[in-house]
Protein backbone atom coordinates (compact mmCIF):
# COMPACT_ATOMS: atom_id res chain seq x y z
CA MET A 1 11.05 -19.23 7.00
CA SER A 2 12.22 -18.62 10.56
CA ASP A 3 9.66 -17.04 12.83
CA ASP A 4 9.51 -16.36 16.55
CA ARG A 5 5.73 -16.57 16.72
CA PRO A 6 4.23 -19.29 18.95
CA LEU A 7 4.13 -22.73 17.35
CA PRO A 8 0.38 -23.14 17.95
CA LEU A 9 -0.25 -19.99 15.87
CA MET A 10 2.04 -21.23 13.10
CA HIS A 11 0.30 -24.60 13.05
CA ALA A 12 -3.10 -22.86 12.92
CA LEU A 13 -1.95 -20.63 10.05
CA ASN A 14 -0.66 -23.60 8.09
CA ALA A 15 -3.88 -25.50 8.63
CA ARG A 16 -5.90 -22.47 7.55
CA ALA A 17 -3.82 -22.13 4.38
CA SER A 18 -4.32 -25.81 3.54
CA GLN A 19 -8.06 -25.39 4.10
CA ALA A 20 -8.11 -22.47 1.66
CA LEU A 21 -5.89 -24.18 -0.90
CA ALA A 22 -8.27 -27.14 -1.15
CA ASN A 23 -10.65 -24.90 -3.10
CA TRP A 24 -8.17 -24.75 -6.00
CA ASP A 25 -7.80 -28.53 -6.34
CA LEU A 26 -4.01 -28.34 -6.76
CA GLY A 27 -3.19 -31.67 -5.19
CA ALA A 28 -1.33 -32.45 -2.00
CA GLN A 29 1.17 -29.75 -1.09
CA THR A 30 2.20 -27.76 1.96
CA PRO A 31 1.84 -23.97 1.55
CA GLU A 32 5.04 -22.13 2.54
CA LEU A 33 4.44 -19.11 4.79
CA LEU A 34 6.30 -16.09 3.39
CA LYS A 35 5.00 -13.28 5.57
CA TYR A 36 2.35 -12.68 8.20
CA ARG A 37 1.61 -9.03 8.82
CA GLU A 38 -1.69 -7.56 7.67
CA ASN A 39 -2.38 -10.62 5.53
CA ALA A 40 -0.77 -14.04 5.63
CA VAL A 41 0.95 -14.84 2.32
CA PHE A 42 2.02 -18.35 1.31
CA ARG A 43 3.91 -19.72 -1.66
CA VAL A 44 2.03 -22.51 -3.45
CA THR A 45 2.49 -24.38 -6.73
CA LEU A 46 0.02 -24.31 -9.63
CA GLU A 47 -0.76 -27.23 -11.93
CA SER A 48 1.71 -25.78 -14.43
CA GLY A 49 4.48 -26.12 -11.86
CA GLU A 50 4.77 -22.35 -11.53
CA PRO A 51 4.72 -20.72 -8.09
CA ALA A 52 1.86 -18.49 -6.97
CA ALA A 53 0.91 -16.53 -3.86
CA LEU A 54 -1.96 -17.65 -1.63
CA ARG A 55 -3.28 -14.75 0.45
CA LEU A 56 -5.30 -15.12 3.63
CA HIS A 57 -6.86 -11.71 4.15
CA ARG A 58 -7.12 -10.21 7.62
CA PRO A 59 -10.64 -10.67 8.97
CA GLY A 60 -12.86 -7.61 8.87
CA TYR A 61 -10.70 -5.29 6.73
CA HIS A 62 -12.33 -5.76 3.31
CA ASP A 63 -15.59 -7.48 2.41
CA LYS A 64 -15.94 -9.89 -0.50
CA GLU A 65 -17.09 -7.18 -2.92
CA ALA A 66 -14.00 -5.05 -2.21
CA LEU A 67 -11.64 -8.02 -2.58
CA VAL A 68 -13.18 -9.12 -5.88
CA SER A 69 -12.92 -5.49 -7.01
CA GLU A 70 -9.22 -5.43 -6.16
CA LEU A 71 -8.63 -8.57 -8.20
CA SER A 72 -10.66 -7.24 -11.15
CA TRP A 73 -8.62 -4.04 -11.13
CA MET A 74 -5.33 -5.97 -11.02
CA ALA A 75 -6.49 -8.12 -13.93
CA ALA A 76 -7.29 -4.97 -15.94
CA LEU A 77 -3.85 -3.53 -15.20
CA ARG A 78 -2.25 -6.80 -16.25
CA GLU A 79 -4.23 -6.69 -19.50
CA ALA A 80 -2.89 -3.19 -20.07
CA GLY A 81 0.69 -4.49 -19.86
CA LEU A 82 1.52 -3.60 -16.26
CA ARG A 83 3.67 -6.03 -14.30
CA VAL A 84 1.26 -6.78 -11.46
CA PRO A 85 -0.08 -10.05 -10.06
CA ALA A 86 -3.01 -11.65 -11.88
CA PRO A 87 -5.84 -13.44 -10.06
CA VAL A 88 -5.87 -17.25 -10.26
CA PRO A 89 -9.52 -18.38 -10.08
CA THR A 90 -10.70 -21.65 -8.60
CA PRO A 91 -11.82 -24.44 -10.99
CA ASP A 92 -15.40 -23.18 -10.61
CA ARG A 93 -14.26 -19.63 -11.51
CA ARG A 94 -14.38 -18.03 -8.07
CA GLN A 95 -11.78 -15.30 -7.59
CA THR A 96 -11.96 -15.44 -3.81
CA VAL A 97 -13.21 -18.01 -1.32
CA ALA A 98 -14.78 -17.53 2.11
CA LEU A 99 -13.40 -19.34 5.14
CA ALA A 100 -15.75 -19.74 8.09
CA ALA A 101 -14.68 -18.58 11.53
CA ASN A 102 -13.01 -21.14 13.75
CA ALA A 103 -11.32 -21.19 17.15
CA GLU A 104 -8.23 -19.31 15.91
CA PHE A 105 -9.53 -17.00 13.16
CA GLY A 106 -12.59 -14.97 12.35
CA GLU A 107 -14.40 -15.30 9.05
CA GLN A 108 -11.99 -14.34 6.30
CA TYR A 109 -11.34 -14.61 2.59
CA ALA A 110 -8.55 -16.19 0.57
CA ASP A 111 -7.35 -15.84 -2.99
CA ILE A 112 -4.39 -16.83 -5.17
CA VAL A 113 -2.47 -14.45 -7.42
CA SER A 114 0.34 -15.10 -9.86
CA TRP A 115 3.96 -15.01 -8.75
CA MET A 116 6.14 -11.97 -9.43
CA THR A 117 9.83 -12.59 -10.07
CA GLY A 118 11.41 -9.31 -8.93
CA ILE A 119 13.06 -8.53 -5.61
CA PRO A 120 11.87 -5.76 -3.27
CA LEU A 121 13.41 -2.34 -3.85
CA GLY A 122 14.37 -2.30 -0.20
CA GLN A 123 13.23 -2.51 3.39
CA SER A 124 11.88 0.36 5.46
CA GLY A 125 14.56 1.86 7.70
CA VAL A 126 17.45 0.20 5.85
CA PRO A 127 19.56 2.34 3.45
CA LEU A 128 19.00 1.51 -0.19
CA ALA A 129 21.82 -0.63 -1.59
CA TYR A 130 22.15 0.98 -5.02
CA SER A 131 24.47 3.53 -6.59
CA LYS A 132 23.22 7.05 -7.27
CA ASP A 133 22.89 6.38 -11.00
CA ARG A 134 21.10 3.06 -10.46
CA LEU A 135 18.67 4.73 -8.05
CA ALA A 136 17.90 7.34 -10.68
CA ASP A 137 17.19 4.61 -13.24
CA ILE A 138 14.96 2.69 -10.82
CA PHE A 139 12.90 5.66 -9.70
CA ARG A 140 12.56 6.98 -13.24
CA THR A 141 11.13 3.59 -14.20
CA LEU A 142 8.92 3.60 -11.11
CA GLY A 143 7.58 7.03 -12.11
CA GLU A 144 6.80 5.77 -15.61
CA THR A 145 5.15 2.63 -14.20
CA MET A 146 3.04 4.60 -11.75
CA ALA A 147 1.88 6.92 -14.52
CA ARG A 148 1.02 3.93 -16.72
CA MET A 149 -0.97 2.45 -13.84
CA HIS A 150 -2.93 5.69 -13.42
CA ALA A 151 -3.55 5.97 -17.17
CA ALA A 152 -4.66 2.34 -17.47
CA SER A 153 -6.99 2.77 -14.49
CA ASP A 154 -8.62 5.80 -16.10
CA ALA A 155 -9.05 3.92 -19.40
CA TRP A 156 -10.70 0.96 -17.66
CA SER A 157 -14.45 0.78 -17.04
CA PRO A 158 -14.99 -0.90 -13.64
CA PRO A 159 -18.02 -3.17 -13.28
CA PRO A 160 -21.11 -1.73 -11.54
CA SER A 161 -20.30 -3.72 -8.38
CA PHE A 162 -16.80 -2.23 -8.09
CA SER A 163 -16.09 -1.12 -4.52
CA ARG A 164 -12.83 0.23 -3.13
CA PRO A 165 -12.07 2.72 -0.31
CA ALA A 166 -11.47 6.41 -0.97
CA TRP A 167 -8.34 8.24 0.18
CA ASN A 168 -10.20 11.54 0.01
CA GLY A 169 -10.78 14.21 2.64
CA ASP A 170 -12.96 11.91 4.74
CA GLY A 171 -10.69 8.90 4.24
CA LEU A 172 -7.70 10.88 5.46
CA LEU A 173 -9.14 13.44 7.89
CA GLY A 174 -12.76 12.48 8.61
CA GLU A 175 -14.15 11.06 11.83
CA THR A 176 -13.07 7.53 10.89
CA PRO A 177 -9.99 7.72 8.64
CA LEU A 178 -9.06 4.60 6.70
CA TRP A 179 -5.97 3.98 8.82
CA GLY A 180 -7.26 5.23 12.17
CA ARG A 181 -7.88 8.41 14.19
CA PHE A 182 -4.33 9.75 14.31
CA TRP A 183 -5.20 12.71 16.57
CA ASP A 184 -6.58 10.67 19.47
CA CYS A 185 -5.04 7.23 19.12
CA PRO A 186 -3.76 5.34 22.20
CA GLY A 187 -0.24 6.20 23.30
CA LEU A 188 -0.23 9.89 22.36
CA LEU A 189 1.11 12.35 24.92
CA PRO A 190 -1.37 15.14 25.82
CA ASP A 191 0.64 17.78 23.96
CA GLU A 192 0.89 15.56 20.90
CA ALA A 193 -2.87 15.00 20.85
CA VAL A 194 -3.50 18.76 21.02
CA ARG A 195 -1.03 19.51 18.22
CA LEU A 196 -2.35 16.71 16.00
CA SER A 197 -5.95 17.85 16.52
CA GLY A 198 -4.92 21.32 15.39
CA LEU A 199 -3.01 19.82 12.47
CA ARG A 200 -6.11 17.92 11.39
CA LEU A 201 -8.09 21.17 11.14
CA PHE A 202 -5.23 22.87 9.30
CA LEU A 203 -5.00 20.05 6.77
CA ARG A 204 -8.74 20.06 6.17
CA GLU A 205 -8.49 23.75 5.28
CA ARG A 206 -5.53 23.15 2.98
CA LEU A 207 -7.30 20.29 1.21
CA GLY A 208 -10.41 22.40 0.77
CA ALA A 209 -8.32 25.12 -0.86
CA LEU A 210 -7.12 22.68 -3.54
CA SER A 211 -10.48 22.50 -5.30
CA SER A 212 -9.45 25.22 -7.75
CA LEU A 213 -6.44 23.16 -8.92
CA ASP A 214 -8.55 20.29 -10.26
CA LEU A 215 -5.93 17.78 -9.12
CA ASP A 216 -5.73 14.41 -10.85
CA TYR A 217 -7.96 11.96 -8.94
CA GLY A 218 -8.75 8.30 -9.59
CA LEU A 219 -7.66 4.82 -8.68
CA ILE A 220 -4.32 4.72 -6.83
CA HIS A 221 -2.21 1.97 -5.28
CA ALA A 222 -1.91 3.97 -2.00
CA ASP A 223 0.95 1.88 -0.59
CA LEU A 224 3.91 2.07 -2.98
CA VAL A 225 6.50 1.58 -0.26
CA ARG A 226 9.81 -0.17 -0.96
CA GLU A 227 8.53 -3.62 -0.09
CA ASN A 228 5.73 -3.33 -2.67
CA VAL A 229 7.99 -2.23 -5.53
CA LEU A 230 9.87 -5.17 -7.05
CA ILE A 231 12.92 -4.77 -9.27
CA ASP A 232 13.37 -7.24 -12.12
CA GLY A 233 16.27 -6.11 -14.29
CA ASP A 234 15.17 -2.93 -16.04
CA HIS A 235 11.52 -3.47 -15.08
CA VAL A 236 9.44 -2.54 -12.05
CA GLU A 237 6.67 -4.76 -10.68
CA LEU A 238 3.94 -3.55 -8.32
CA ILE A 239 2.41 -5.82 -5.69
CA ASP A 240 0.03 -5.64 -2.71
CA PHE A 241 -2.96 -3.63 -3.87
CA ASP A 242 -4.69 -4.33 -0.55
CA ASP A 243 -5.06 -0.62 0.29
CA GLY A 244 -5.72 0.54 -3.28
CA GLY A 245 -8.73 2.72 -3.96
CA TYR A 246 -9.70 6.17 -5.11
CA GLY A 247 -7.49 9.12 -4.30
CA TRP A 248 -5.33 11.95 -5.54
CA ARG A 249 -2.47 10.78 -7.75
CA MET A 250 -0.18 13.10 -5.77
CA PHE A 251 -0.86 10.86 -2.76
CA ASP A 252 0.62 7.92 -4.70
CA ILE A 253 3.65 10.02 -5.63
CA ALA A 254 4.11 11.16 -2.03
CA THR A 255 3.88 7.57 -0.77
CA ALA A 256 6.55 6.37 -3.22
CA LEU A 257 8.90 9.11 -2.01
CA PHE A 258 8.02 9.39 1.67
CA LYS A 259 10.28 6.77 3.26
CA ASN A 260 13.19 7.63 0.98
CA ARG A 261 13.60 11.17 2.31
CA GLY A 262 16.55 10.14 4.48
CA GLU A 263 18.52 8.75 1.57
CA PRO A 264 21.68 10.73 0.73
CA HIS A 265 20.58 10.92 -2.92
CA TYR A 266 16.96 11.82 -2.19
CA GLU A 267 16.93 14.90 -4.45
CA ARG A 268 18.05 12.70 -7.34
CA ILE A 269 15.42 10.08 -6.43
CA GLN A 270 12.61 12.64 -6.40
CA ALA A 271 13.71 14.29 -9.63
CA ALA A 272 13.97 10.93 -11.41
CA LEU A 273 10.55 9.76 -10.29
CA ILE A 274 8.91 13.00 -11.42
CA GLU A 275 10.80 12.91 -14.71
CA GLY A 276 9.67 9.35 -15.39
CA TYR A 277 6.07 10.15 -14.50
CA ARG A 278 6.01 13.10 -16.86
CA VAL A 279 7.25 10.96 -19.75
CA VAL A 280 3.90 9.15 -19.64
CA ARG A 281 1.36 11.45 -18.00
CA SER A 282 0.83 15.13 -17.39
CA LEU A 283 1.97 16.45 -14.01
CA PRO A 284 1.68 20.24 -13.94
CA ASP A 285 3.95 22.32 -11.72
CA SER A 286 0.85 23.48 -9.84
CA ALA A 287 0.15 19.86 -8.84
CA LEU A 288 3.77 19.18 -7.94
CA GLU A 289 3.73 22.17 -5.61
CA THR A 290 1.24 20.24 -3.42
CA LEU A 291 3.80 17.50 -2.72
CA PRO A 292 4.70 18.88 0.75
CA LEU A 293 1.02 18.80 1.71
CA PHE A 294 0.62 15.21 0.57
CA MET A 295 3.81 14.26 2.42
CA VAL A 296 2.15 15.47 5.63
CA LEU A 297 -1.06 13.65 4.78
CA ARG A 298 0.91 10.46 4.21
CA SER A 299 2.80 10.91 7.50
CA ILE A 300 -0.32 11.16 9.65
CA THR A 301 -1.71 7.90 8.28
CA TYR A 302 1.19 6.02 9.87
CA ILE A 303 0.29 7.49 13.26
CA GLY A 304 -3.26 6.16 12.96
CA TRP A 305 -1.96 2.83 11.67
CA ILE A 306 0.40 2.18 14.58
CA GLY A 307 -2.15 3.60 17.03
CA GLU A 308 -4.47 0.74 16.13
CA ARG A 309 -1.62 -1.74 16.78
CA ILE A 310 -0.33 -0.22 20.00
CA GLN A 311 0.12 -3.65 21.63
CA THR A 312 2.87 -4.69 19.19
CA PRO A 313 6.35 -4.78 20.81
CA ASP A 314 7.87 -1.71 19.11
CA ALA A 315 4.67 0.31 18.79
CA ALA A 316 5.54 2.97 21.38
CA THR A 317 8.91 3.70 19.77
CA ARG A 318 7.42 3.87 16.30
CA LEU A 319 4.58 6.09 17.48
CA ARG A 320 7.05 8.63 18.91
CA ARG A 321 8.98 8.61 15.64
CA TYR A 322 5.90 8.93 13.45
CA VAL A 323 4.50 11.81 15.52
CA ALA A 324 7.79 13.72 15.49
CA ASP A 325 8.10 13.22 11.75
CA ALA A 326 4.56 14.39 11.01
CA LEU A 327 4.81 17.47 13.21
CA ALA A 328 8.18 18.45 11.70
CA LEU A 329 6.79 18.10 8.16
CA ALA A 330 3.72 20.11 9.18
CA ASP A 331 5.86 22.90 10.64
CA ASN A 332 7.82 23.07 7.37
CA LEU A 333 4.58 23.17 5.40
CA LYS A 334 3.23 26.01 7.51
CA THR A 335 6.41 28.06 7.16
CA GLY A 336 6.57 27.44 3.43
CA ASP A 337 9.73 25.33 3.47
CA GLY A 338 7.90 22.14 2.55
CA LYS A 339 10.93 19.87 2.68
């Protein structure tokens, strides 16, 4: 993997991965860094010779209870026939291990999950490289898979210690949203901050008005972007449940569609995903009519997310784009266009 990060950081990451890997007693090997964004993910080899993914979780984001809960949920989905990673416990049956703070990293946790064989659906900002008919097939399958995930989650009985975040009114619009305070994050222009503060109040009212619809609510992936949807022939695999928790199922649907809105065949994509979902699980028209609202709710989370990473090289450019996108979607929602 080529990377322009400083060599000392890369050496520290590799050393940290080797420290974590020692807990699985898999013999001498050098973990291969695959990506380093929110978490650091390495390719390692199990005793069977099969590859697996070693994850070093970002310090301070989830505690041990939440991480073990994520792995338990993934295992339940796997048992239900979903193509998702399965946890690989240590020889003494630990699903996650704690790594003490050192000079380079704070205290953090590590785990290993099974390897998935598919390739990412695409990359954010890059046009999808599939024909119109193939896109329809993929998103129909994605809709079916998402509905199966929601159904399997509802059928599962989590253990009493289960703990995952909630993408509810507070998680999206409260004083401390899960992905950051989008209305007063660093880098906003004064006019943007005023408009986003007003939008926050508007969205709180709109969410409150949904109580009569009894929208489907339960465990959701919450980050079904292109990079987390893998294509393996006629099958779809779902990875990276790091942000998964409780939320409206329409939020999952909005997330899967959100960054595909610029595709020339977007109407076909949306129709196929909804069609596939409805093959497996009920999705009333009254719920589908809330999609424009959940598109806006999804859009504001990206503002908060980049606002907490404002020192990254392209943060200012992305912030401008995210704000413009959210405000345009909000204006359409207010005028009833909703597109």
